Amino acid sequence: MPKNRQDIPKAERQAELVAHARELFAENGYRGTSVAAVGRAAGIAPAAVHWYFPTKDDLFAAVVDSIFGETRALVEAEPAGDPRDELVDLLVRMEPYRGLHRVAYERMDETEALRAVYGRMQDWLEERLLAAISQRAAAGADLASITDLAHVLFEGLLISVRRLDRPTGELVDLLITSLVATAEASR
């Protein structure tokens, strides 16, 4: 006999809501998806969604977290490989959700849930990038500067909310110096 809808454990119901929300957010975007539509898709009263996810941003954060978590698990399930390849693999697999990533970035100032999810994603990306760089960098390379530059490249200097350890001018100089060195080396 099927479970009474009220007998479904909270975690199971949350996972079901996240699955429906993921489809709706991917199809309609953040602004085009309502909490009520997610409730209807899951077969529960729209207002009941708020018992599981108090706000739309909490639900959206759970969706972004599930996308990142599943994608990261697929990438990490492969035999231990090059961190650069893992980074590229994750970014390619997440490409269909690029619009949702942008909304998460824009809304992370609005909610702690999105800030936390976005922070975990960014930490993983930067960790892989730095591991790839450290494998290729000469001993004694200033990886702290590379960390700042990596952040700029990932998020864009003008929209970044991360407190940088160096003044913007130094980062721009580092970028220019790196590009000049690369250009000179490829002559």
Protein backbone atom coordinates (compact mmCIF):
# COMPACT_ATOMS: atom_id res chain seq x y z
CA MET A 1 0.00 0.00 0.00
CA PRO A 2 1.42 3.44 -0.87
CA LYS A 3 2.43 5.73 1.92
CA ASN A 4 -0.02 8.33 3.10
CA ARG A 5 1.39 11.67 1.93
CA GLN A 6 1.59 12.74 5.59
CA ASP A 7 3.69 9.70 6.47
CA ILE A 8 6.51 10.59 4.10
CA PRO A 9 9.64 11.49 6.12
CA LYS A 10 10.70 15.12 5.97
CA ALA A 11 14.03 14.40 4.22
CA GLU A 12 12.27 12.35 1.55
CA ARG A 13 9.70 15.09 0.96
CA GLN A 14 12.44 17.74 0.81
CA ALA A 15 14.30 15.69 -1.81
CA GLU A 16 11.09 15.36 -3.82
CA LEU A 17 10.49 19.11 -3.64
CA VAL A 18 14.07 19.84 -4.67
CA ALA A 19 13.74 17.49 -7.66
CA HIS A 20 10.56 19.23 -8.85
CA ALA A 21 12.00 22.68 -8.15
CA ARG A 22 15.16 21.79 -10.06
CA GLU A 23 13.14 20.95 -13.15
CA LEU A 24 11.05 24.11 -12.85
CA PHE A 25 14.00 26.42 -12.15
CA ALA A 26 15.96 24.91 -15.06
CA GLU A 27 13.00 25.27 -17.39
CA ASN A 28 11.55 28.61 -16.26
CA GLY A 29 14.40 30.31 -14.42
CA TYR A 30 14.33 31.71 -10.90
CA ARG A 31 11.87 34.51 -11.58
CA GLY A 32 9.58 32.29 -13.66
CA THR A 33 9.23 29.67 -10.94
CA SER A 34 6.96 30.15 -7.95
CA VAL A 35 6.89 28.22 -4.71
CA ALA A 36 3.24 27.49 -5.45
CA ALA A 37 4.18 25.88 -8.79
CA VAL A 38 6.72 23.67 -7.02
CA GLY A 39 4.07 22.61 -4.51
CA ARG A 40 1.60 21.80 -7.27
CA ALA A 41 4.25 19.80 -9.17
CA ALA A 42 5.01 17.80 -6.01
CA GLY A 43 1.32 17.24 -5.26
CA ILE A 44 1.23 19.16 -2.00
CA ALA A 45 -0.45 22.38 -0.96
CA PRO A 46 1.68 25.28 -2.14
CA ALA A 47 1.76 26.77 1.35
CA ALA A 48 3.09 23.46 2.71
CA VAL A 49 6.32 23.96 0.76
CA HIS A 50 7.21 26.68 3.26
CA TRP A 51 7.26 24.13 6.07
CA TYR A 52 10.18 22.43 4.30
CA PHE A 53 11.78 25.56 2.84
CA PRO A 54 10.83 28.80 4.61
CA THR A 55 11.65 30.99 1.60
CA LYS A 56 12.00 30.66 -2.15
CA ASP A 57 15.70 31.39 -1.73
CA ASP A 58 16.05 28.48 0.72
CA LEU A 59 14.46 26.19 -1.88
CA PHE A 60 16.62 27.68 -4.63
CA ALA A 61 19.75 27.18 -2.50
CA ALA A 62 18.82 23.52 -2.01
CA VAL A 63 18.43 23.16 -5.79
CA VAL A 64 21.80 24.79 -6.53
CA ASP A 65 23.40 22.65 -3.81
CA SER A 66 21.91 19.47 -5.30
CA ILE A 67 23.14 20.37 -8.80
CA PHE A 68 26.64 21.12 -7.52
CA GLY A 69 26.71 18.12 -5.17
CA GLU A 70 25.61 15.62 -7.82
CA THR A 71 27.98 17.05 -10.41
CA ARG A 72 30.90 17.11 -7.98
CA ALA A 73 30.17 13.49 -6.99
CA LEU A 74 30.27 12.42 -10.66
CA VAL A 75 33.56 14.22 -11.21
CA GLU A 76 35.12 12.86 -8.02
CA ALA A 77 33.93 9.30 -8.76
CA GLU A 78 36.37 9.13 -11.66
CA PRO A 79 39.79 7.69 -10.84
CA ALA A 80 42.07 10.27 -9.22
CA GLY A 81 43.20 12.49 -12.01
CA ASP A 82 44.49 15.86 -12.88
CA PRO A 83 42.78 18.64 -10.86
CA ARG A 84 42.62 20.70 -14.06
CA ASP A 85 40.64 17.95 -15.76
CA GLU A 86 38.31 17.72 -12.74
CA LEU A 87 37.77 21.48 -12.86
CA VAL A 88 37.01 21.46 -16.57
CA ASP A 89 34.74 18.41 -16.23
CA LEU A 90 32.70 20.06 -13.48
CA LEU A 91 32.36 23.34 -15.38
CA VAL A 92 31.28 21.55 -18.56
CA ARG A 93 28.73 19.40 -16.73
CA MET A 94 27.29 22.47 -14.97
CA GLU A 95 27.04 24.54 -18.13
CA PRO A 96 23.30 23.85 -18.63
CA TYR A 97 22.70 25.52 -15.25
CA ARG A 98 24.78 28.64 -15.97
CA GLY A 99 21.70 30.90 -15.69
CA LEU A 100 20.88 29.51 -12.25
CA HIS A 101 24.49 30.05 -11.16
CA ARG A 102 24.27 33.70 -12.17
CA VAL A 103 21.03 34.18 -10.20
CA ALA A 104 22.61 32.48 -7.17
CA TYR A 105 25.53 34.89 -7.39
CA GLU A 106 23.19 37.88 -7.67
CA ARG A 107 21.00 36.75 -4.77
CA MET A 108 23.61 35.52 -2.32
CA ASP A 109 23.55 38.84 -0.50
CA GLU A 110 19.85 38.21 0.18
CA THR A 111 20.17 34.91 2.02
CA GLU A 112 22.66 32.96 4.08
CA ALA A 113 21.59 29.69 2.43
CA LEU A 114 22.71 30.87 -1.01
CA ARG A 115 25.88 32.40 0.41
CA ALA A 116 26.80 29.08 2.01
CA VAL A 117 26.11 27.02 -1.13
CA TYR A 118 27.93 29.46 -3.35
CA GLY A 119 30.88 29.51 -0.94
CA ARG A 120 31.18 25.70 -1.08
CA MET A 121 31.14 25.79 -4.87
CA GLN A 122 33.74 28.52 -5.01
CA ASP A 123 35.99 26.76 -2.48
CA TRP A 124 35.94 23.55 -4.55
CA LEU A 125 36.66 25.40 -7.79
CA GLU A 126 39.51 27.41 -6.30
CA GLU A 127 40.97 24.32 -4.62
CA ARG A 128 41.09 22.46 -7.93
CA LEU A 129 42.46 25.46 -9.78
CA LEU A 130 45.22 26.00 -7.24
CA ALA A 131 46.10 22.31 -7.24
CA ALA A 132 46.43 22.43 -11.03
CA ILE A 133 48.55 25.57 -10.86
CA SER A 134 50.79 24.23 -8.09
CA GLN A 135 51.54 21.12 -10.17
CA ARG A 136 52.78 23.34 -12.98
CA ALA A 137 54.27 26.28 -11.08
CA ALA A 138 57.93 26.63 -10.28
CA ALA A 139 58.96 26.15 -6.68
CA GLY A 140 58.51 29.32 -4.68
CA ALA A 141 55.74 30.71 -6.90
CA ASP A 142 53.45 33.20 -5.16
CA LEU A 143 50.31 31.08 -4.98
CA ALA A 144 48.61 33.68 -2.78
CA SER A 145 48.66 36.13 -5.69
CA ILE A 146 47.40 33.40 -8.00
CA THR A 147 44.52 32.77 -5.59
CA ASP A 148 43.41 36.36 -5.87
CA LEU A 149 43.81 36.33 -9.63
CA ALA A 150 41.86 33.08 -9.87
CA HIS A 151 38.99 34.65 -8.00
CA VAL A 152 38.99 37.63 -10.32
CA LEU A 153 38.92 35.34 -13.34
CA PHE A 154 36.09 33.25 -11.91
CA GLU A 155 33.82 36.03 -10.82
CA GLY A 156 34.91 39.16 -12.59
CA LEU A 157 36.65 42.04 -10.90
CA LEU A 158 33.73 44.42 -11.02
CA ILE A 159 31.07 42.15 -9.53
CA SER A 160 33.12 40.43 -6.86
CA VAL A 161 31.93 40.66 -3.26
CA ARG A 162 34.94 38.79 -1.86
CA ARG A 163 37.32 40.89 0.21
CA LEU A 164 40.58 40.81 -1.67
CA ASP A 165 43.88 40.63 0.16
CA ARG A 166 45.53 42.95 -2.35
CA PRO A 167 44.51 46.29 -3.84
CA THR A 168 42.76 46.11 -7.21
CA GLY A 169 45.72 47.84 -8.87
CA GLU A 170 48.08 45.08 -7.79
CA LEU A 171 45.74 42.45 -9.20
CA VAL A 172 45.47 44.28 -12.51
CA ASP A 173 49.26 44.63 -12.62
CA LEU A 174 49.64 40.91 -11.91
CA LEU A 175 47.24 40.07 -14.72
CA ILE A 176 49.02 42.35 -17.15
CA THR A 177 52.45 41.03 -16.14
CA SER A 178 51.23 37.43 -16.55
CA LEU A 179 49.76 38.16 -19.98
CA VAL A 180 52.91 39.94 -21.12
CA ALA A 181 55.10 37.06 -19.91
CA THR A 182 52.90 34.56 -21.72
CA ALA A 183 52.93 36.61 -24.86
CA GLU A 184 56.73 36.97 -24.77
CA ALA A 185 57.18 33.24 -24.13
CA SER A 186 55.06 32.31 -27.15
CA ARG A 187 57.15 34.35 -29.61
